């Protein structure tokens, strides 16, 4: 391979390494975080927040999610961390199955801040920012696979490594993007 081919292919390979999934693009997004949006000063601002589902409640024409917010990485995926930015409610038109959008699953939401709502969280009256969600992106589950290493005993140091490797599930990504005229599977 000559150096011109290498220089041509390098940007393509690098661009494919870390990209935001297409349904999660379309900024600009406000820099406000859920804990700061617990008042009505940020109504109408476009956000991209993510975290873990705490609860999913299907209604007659929409499904509302209570989400424990976490910082997002460069791919707009919630970080697996104990740092939380508070909670928020994201309501999207259409039905989202609570067995698929289950407690603990990672989601990223795009939408506009609609206001705030107060709900009980245990005995505490918690003020949630409420989002009118356009996109609810469900991240694939990571499935642990055993890693047995190379048959060569010195491949990974003296003792080698036998541990667990996390890989994306075979089911792929699940993403429903709601438009004004209904939801479409992508």
C-alpha atoms as a PDB file:
ATOM      1  CA  UNK A   1       0.000   0.000   0.000  1.00  0.00           C
ATOM      2  CA  UNK A   2       1.495   3.338  -0.946  1.00  0.00           C
ATOM      3  CA  UNK A   3       1.450   6.320   1.376  1.00  0.00           C
ATOM      4  CA  UNK A   4      -1.269   8.162  -0.603  1.00  0.00           C
ATOM      5  CA  UNK A   5      -3.737   5.351  -0.047  1.00  0.00           C
ATOM      6  CA  UNK A   6      -2.848   5.337   3.634  1.00  0.00           C
ATOM      7  CA  UNK A   7      -3.381   9.110   3.890  1.00  0.00           C
ATOM      8  CA  UNK A   8      -6.720   8.780   2.103  1.00  0.00           C
ATOM      9  CA  UNK A   9      -7.992   5.976   4.358  1.00  0.00           C
ATOM     10  CA  UNK A  10      -6.749   7.405   7.661  1.00  0.00           C
ATOM     11  CA  UNK A  11      -9.534  10.029   8.125  1.00  0.00           C
ATOM     12  CA  UNK A  12     -12.197   7.468   7.250  1.00  0.00           C
ATOM     13  CA  UNK A  13     -10.887   4.978   9.789  1.00  0.00           C
ATOM     14  CA  UNK A  14     -10.478   7.610  12.511  1.00  0.00           C
ATOM     15  CA  UNK A  15     -13.977   9.015  11.901  1.00  0.00           C
ATOM     16  CA  UNK A  16     -15.477   5.569  12.365  1.00  0.00           C
ATOM     17  CA  UNK A  17     -13.879   5.036  15.761  1.00  0.00           C
ATOM     18  CA  UNK A  18     -16.009   7.363  17.861  1.00  0.00           C
ATOM     19  CA  UNK A  19     -19.142   8.920  16.492  1.00  0.00           C
ATOM     20  CA  UNK A  20     -22.430  10.005  17.973  1.00  0.00           C
ATOM     21  CA  UNK A  21     -25.306   7.805  16.743  1.00  0.00           C
ATOM     22  CA  UNK A  22     -27.259   9.604  14.017  1.00  0.00           C
ATOM     23  CA  UNK A  23     -30.532   9.941  16.005  1.00  0.00           C
ATOM     24  CA  UNK A  24     -28.602  11.831  18.723  1.00  0.00           C
ATOM     25  CA  UNK A  25     -27.225  14.552  16.455  1.00  0.00           C
ATOM     26  CA  UNK A  26     -29.000  17.764  15.531  1.00  0.00           C
ATOM     27  CA  UNK A  27     -27.754  20.304  18.046  1.00  0.00           C
ATOM     28  CA  UNK A  28     -27.039  22.837  19.277  1.00  0.00           C
ATOM     29  CA  UNK A  29     -28.090  21.747  22.733  1.00  0.00           C
ATOM     30  CA  UNK A  30     -28.314  23.819  25.895  1.00  0.00           C
ATOM     31  CA  UNK A  31     -25.544  23.327  28.456  1.00  0.00           C
ATOM     32  CA  UNK A  32     -28.034  23.293  31.351  1.00  0.00           C
ATOM     33  CA  UNK A  33     -28.106  20.105  33.449  1.00  0.00           C
ATOM     34  CA  UNK A  34     -31.216  18.605  35.101  1.00  0.00           C
ATOM     35  CA  UNK A  35     -30.342  19.718  38.644  1.00  0.00           C
ATOM     36  CA  UNK A  36     -30.069  23.329  37.439  1.00  0.00           C
ATOM     37  CA  UNK A  37     -33.330  23.131  35.448  1.00  0.00           C
ATOM     38  CA  UNK A  38     -35.551  22.535  38.483  1.00  0.00           C
ATOM     39  CA  UNK A  39     -37.210  25.900  37.960  1.00  0.00           C
ATOM     40  CA  UNK A  40     -39.048  27.370  34.985  1.00  0.00           C
ATOM     41  CA  UNK A  41     -36.180  29.591  33.757  1.00  0.00           C
ATOM     42  CA  UNK A  42     -35.132  27.126  31.052  1.00  0.00           C
ATOM     43  CA  UNK A  43     -38.503  26.366  29.414  1.00  0.00           C
ATOM     44  CA  UNK A  44     -38.169  25.847  25.661  1.00  0.00           C
ATOM     45  CA  UNK A  45     -34.444  25.100  25.657  1.00  0.00           C
ATOM     46  CA  UNK A  46     -33.321  22.135  23.545  1.00  0.00           C
ATOM     47  CA  UNK A  47     -31.407  19.515  25.533  1.00  0.00           C
ATOM     48  CA  UNK A  48     -29.643  16.187  25.140  1.00  0.00           C
ATOM     49  CA  UNK A  49     -29.626  14.414  28.507  1.00  0.00           C
ATOM     50  CA  UNK A  50     -29.081  10.795  29.429  1.00  0.00           C
ATOM     51  CA  UNK A  51     -29.000   8.370  32.288  1.00  0.00           C
ATOM     52  CA  UNK A  52     -30.631   5.247  33.661  1.00  0.00           C
ATOM     53  CA  UNK A  53     -34.365   4.604  33.591  1.00  0.00           C
ATOM     54  CA  UNK A  54     -35.860   4.591  37.088  1.00  0.00           C
ATOM     55  CA  UNK A  55     -39.447   4.088  35.892  1.00  0.00           C
ATOM     56  CA  UNK A  56     -41.439   3.925  32.648  1.00  0.00           C
ATOM     57  CA  UNK A  57     -45.159   4.769  32.699  1.00  0.00           C
ATOM     58  CA  UNK A  58     -47.124   4.207  29.482  1.00  0.00           C
ATOM     59  CA  UNK A  59     -50.146   6.467  29.178  1.00  0.00           C
ATOM     60  CA  UNK A  60     -52.990   6.735  26.696  1.00  0.00           C
ATOM     61  CA  UNK A  61     -51.012   8.576  23.988  1.00  0.00           C
ATOM     62  CA  UNK A  62     -47.516   8.822  25.443  1.00  0.00           C
ATOM     63  CA  UNK A  63     -44.941   7.147  27.647  1.00  0.00           C
ATOM     64  CA  UNK A  64     -43.204   9.051  30.430  1.00  0.00           C
ATOM     65  CA  UNK A  65     -39.812   8.003  31.776  1.00  0.00           C
ATOM     66  CA  UNK A  66     -38.287   8.951  35.105  1.00  0.00           C
ATOM     67  CA  UNK A  67     -34.559   9.069  34.432  1.00  0.00           C
ATOM     68  CA  UNK A  68     -31.630   9.345  36.846  1.00  0.00           C
ATOM     69  CA  UNK A  69     -29.326  11.657  34.919  1.00  0.00           C
ATOM     70  CA  UNK A  70     -25.609  11.042  34.406  1.00  0.00           C
ATOM     71  CA  UNK A  71     -22.978  12.974  32.429  1.00  0.00           C
ATOM     72  CA  UNK A  72     -22.666  11.951  28.776  1.00  0.00           C
ATOM     73  CA  UNK A  73     -19.472  10.823  27.087  1.00  0.00           C
ATOM     74  CA  UNK A  74     -18.299  12.095  23.694  1.00  0.00           C
ATOM     75  CA  UNK A  75     -20.695   9.658  21.965  1.00  0.00           C
ATOM     76  CA  UNK A  76     -23.691  10.996  23.961  1.00  0.00           C
ATOM     77  CA  UNK A  77     -23.820   7.780  26.011  1.00  0.00           C
ATOM     78  CA  UNK A  78     -24.414   8.059  29.772  1.00  0.00           C
ATOM     79  CA  UNK A  79     -21.275   7.409  31.789  1.00  0.00           C
ATOM     80  CA  UNK A  80     -21.329   4.533  34.249  1.00  0.00           C
ATOM     81  CA  UNK A  81     -20.588   6.624  37.307  1.00  0.00           C
ATOM     82  CA  UNK A  82     -21.988   7.467  40.717  1.00  0.00           C
ATOM     83  CA  UNK A  83     -22.108  11.136  39.702  1.00  0.00           C
ATOM     84  CA  UNK A  84     -25.706  12.157  39.116  1.00  0.00           C
ATOM     85  CA  UNK A  85     -27.110  15.391  37.747  1.00  0.00           C
ATOM     86  CA  UNK A  86     -30.474  14.794  39.381  1.00  0.00           C
ATOM     87  CA  UNK A  87     -33.594  13.286  37.874  1.00  0.00           C
ATOM     88  CA  UNK A  88     -35.895  14.334  35.073  1.00  0.00           C
ATOM     89  CA  UNK A  89     -39.123  13.224  33.413  1.00  0.00           C
ATOM     90  CA  UNK A  90     -39.096  12.671  29.640  1.00  0.00           C
ATOM     91  CA  UNK A  91     -42.442  12.125  27.901  1.00  0.00           C
ATOM     92  CA  UNK A  92     -42.526  10.842  24.331  1.00  0.00           C
ATOM     93  CA  UNK A  93     -45.546  10.231  22.111  1.00  0.00           C
ATOM     94  CA  UNK A  94     -46.493   6.609  21.438  1.00  0.00           C
ATOM     95  CA  UNK A  95     -46.102   3.414  23.449  1.00  0.00           C
ATOM     96  CA  UNK A  96     -42.707   2.266  24.731  1.00  0.00           C
ATOM     97  CA  UNK A  97     -42.774  -1.194  26.289  1.00  0.00           C
ATOM     98  CA  UNK A  98     -41.712  -0.996  29.973  1.00  0.00           C
ATOM     99  CA  UNK A  99     -40.201  -4.493  29.706  1.00  0.00           C
ATOM    100  CA  UNK A 100     -37.784  -3.243  27.037  1.00  0.00           C
ATOM    101  CA  UNK A 101     -37.347   0.239  28.518  1.00  0.00           C
ATOM    102  CA  UNK A 102     -36.827  -1.323  31.933  1.00  0.00           C
ATOM    103  CA  UNK A 103     -35.396   0.015  35.167  1.00  0.00           C
ATOM    104  CA  UNK A 104     -31.625   0.460  34.931  1.00  0.00           C
ATOM    105  CA  UNK A 105     -31.399   0.607  31.108  1.00  0.00           C
ATOM    106  CA  UNK A 106     -29.323   3.452  29.660  1.00  0.00           C
ATOM    107  CA  UNK A 107     -31.069   6.035  27.485  1.00  0.00           C
ATOM    108  CA  UNK A 108     -30.246   9.357  25.893  1.00  0.00           C
ATOM    109  CA  UNK A 109     -33.083  11.798  25.308  1.00  0.00           C
ATOM    110  CA  UNK A 110     -33.367  14.768  22.957  1.00  0.00           C
ATOM    111  CA  UNK A 111     -36.159  17.272  23.396  1.00  0.00           C
ATOM    112  CA  UNK A 112     -37.260  20.604  24.798  1.00  0.00           C
ATOM    113  CA  UNK A 113     -37.721  21.555  28.434  1.00  0.00           C
ATOM    114  CA  UNK A 114     -41.465  21.863  28.945  1.00  0.00           C
ATOM    115  CA  UNK A 115     -41.426  23.016  32.563  1.00  0.00           C
ATOM    116  CA  UNK A 116     -41.258  21.297  35.933  1.00  0.00           C
ATOM    117  CA  UNK A 117     -43.468  18.889  37.815  1.00  0.00           C
ATOM    118  CA  UNK A 118     -43.438  17.892  41.488  1.00  0.00           C
ATOM    119  CA  UNK A 119     -43.730  14.223  42.421  1.00  0.00           C
ATOM    120  CA  UNK A 120     -43.025  12.233  45.535  1.00  0.00           C
ATOM    121  CA  UNK A 121     -39.678  10.449  45.611  1.00  0.00           C
ATOM    122  CA  UNK A 122     -40.087   8.314  48.701  1.00  0.00           C
ATOM    123  CA  UNK A 123     -41.347  10.872  51.226  1.00  0.00           C
ATOM    124  CA  UNK A 124     -39.547  13.750  49.517  1.00  0.00           C
ATOM    125  CA  UNK A 125     -41.343  16.224  47.233  1.00  0.00           C
ATOM    126  CA  UNK A 126     -38.972  16.265  44.237  1.00  0.00           C
ATOM    127  CA  UNK A 127     -39.156  18.895  41.481  1.00  0.00           C
ATOM    128  CA  UNK A 128     -38.449  17.236  38.130  1.00  0.00           C
ATOM    129  CA  UNK A 129     -37.629  19.086  34.923  1.00  0.00           C
ATOM    130  CA  UNK A 130     -40.107  17.760  32.345  1.00  0.00           C
ATOM    131  CA  UNK A 131     -38.958  17.136  28.774  1.00  0.00           C
ATOM    132  CA  UNK A 132     -41.081  16.893  25.650  1.00  0.00           C
ATOM    133  CA  UNK A 133     -38.942  14.148  24.068  1.00  0.00           C
ATOM    134  CA  UNK A 134     -38.394  13.890  20.312  1.00  0.00           C
ATOM    135  CA  UNK A 135     -35.899  11.017  20.573  1.00  0.00           C
ATOM    136  CA  UNK A 136     -35.514   8.330  23.223  1.00  0.00           C
ATOM    137  CA  UNK A 137     -32.384   6.348  22.356  1.00  0.00           C
ATOM    138  CA  UNK A 138     -32.038   3.016  24.154  1.00  0.00           C
ATOM    139  CA  UNK A 139     -28.410   1.894  24.371  1.00  0.00           C
ATOM    140  CA  UNK A 140     -27.702  -1.808  23.816  1.00  0.00           C
ATOM    141  CA  UNK A 141     -27.030  -4.015  26.805  1.00  0.00           C
ATOM    142  CA  UNK A 142     -23.451  -5.058  27.426  1.00  0.00           C
ATOM    143  CA  UNK A 143     -23.203  -8.823  27.692  1.00  0.00           C
ATOM    144  CA  UNK A 144     -20.274 -10.346  29.616  1.00  0.00           C
ATOM    145  CA  UNK A 145     -18.311 -13.013  27.750  1.00  0.00           C
ATOM    146  CA  UNK A 146     -15.525 -15.009  29.383  1.00  0.00           C
ATOM    147  CA  UNK A 147     -12.068 -14.284  28.027  1.00  0.00           C
ATOM    148  CA  UNK A 148      -9.628 -17.144  28.155  1.00  0.00           C
ATOM    149  CA  UNK A 149      -6.695 -15.408  26.560  1.00  0.00           C
ATOM    150  CA  UNK A 150      -4.094 -16.821  24.260  1.00  0.00           C
ATOM    151  CA  UNK A 151      -2.849 -20.379  24.496  1.00  0.00           C
ATOM    152  CA  UNK A 152       0.628 -18.896  24.725  1.00  0.00           C
ATOM    153  CA  UNK A 153       1.270 -18.521  28.494  1.00  0.00           C
ATOM    154  CA  UNK A 154       3.279 -15.277  28.272  1.00  0.00           C
ATOM    155  CA  UNK A 155       0.915 -13.432  25.929  1.00  0.00           C
ATOM    156  CA  UNK A 156      -0.468 -11.110  28.634  1.00  0.00           C
ATOM    157  CA  UNK A 157       2.372 -11.073  31.106  1.00  0.00           C
ATOM    158  CA  UNK A 158       3.615 -13.920  33.222  1.00  0.00           C
ATOM    159  CA  UNK A 159       0.239 -15.123  34.504  1.00  0.00           C
ATOM    160  CA  UNK A 160      -1.949 -14.095  31.578  1.00  0.00           C
ATOM    161  CA  UNK A 161      -5.425 -12.642  31.920  1.00  0.00           C
ATOM    162  CA  UNK A 162      -8.610 -14.613  32.295  1.00  0.00           C
ATOM    163  CA  UNK A 163     -11.446 -12.273  33.078  1.00  0.00           C
ATOM    164  CA  UNK A 164     -14.640 -10.914  31.607  1.00  0.00           C
ATOM    165  CA  UNK A 165     -15.010  -8.902  28.430  1.00  0.00           C
ATOM    166  CA  UNK A 166     -18.121  -6.786  27.839  1.00  0.00           C
ATOM    167  CA  UNK A 167     -19.564  -6.730  24.349  1.00  0.00           C
ATOM    168  CA  UNK A 168     -22.680  -5.260  22.830  1.00  0.00           C
ATOM    169  CA  UNK A 169     -25.604  -7.655  22.587  1.00  0.00           C
ATOM    170  CA  UNK A 170     -26.501  -9.269  19.315  1.00  0.00           C
ATOM    171  CA  UNK A 171     -29.910  -7.605  19.268  1.00  0.00           C
ATOM    172  CA  UNK A 172     -28.303  -4.335  18.179  1.00  0.00           C
ATOM    173  CA  UNK A 173     -29.567  -0.878  18.927  1.00  0.00           C
ATOM    174  CA  UNK A 174     -33.148   0.024  19.682  1.00  0.00           C
ATOM    175  CA  UNK A 175     -34.142   3.570  18.918  1.00  0.00           C
ATOM    176  CA  UNK A 176     -37.524   5.130  18.377  1.00  0.00           C
ATOM    177  CA  UNK A 177     -37.558   8.642  17.018  1.00  0.00           C
ATOM    178  CA  UNK A 178     -40.855  10.421  17.437  1.00  0.00           C
ATOM    179  CA  UNK A 179     -41.869  12.912  14.803  1.00  0.00           C
ATOM    180  CA  UNK A 180     -44.882  15.199  14.710  1.00  0.00           C
ATOM    181  CA  UNK A 181     -46.917  12.606  12.824  1.00  0.00           C
ATOM    182  CA  UNK A 182     -45.996   9.516  14.842  1.00  0.00           C
ATOM    183  CA  UNK A 183     -43.071   7.280  15.665  1.00  0.00           C
ATOM    184  CA  UNK A 184     -40.811   5.409  13.303  1.00  0.00           C
ATOM    185  CA  UNK A 185     -38.370   2.633  14.042  1.00  0.00           C
ATOM    186  CA  UNK A 186     -34.785   3.330  13.011  1.00  0.00           C
END
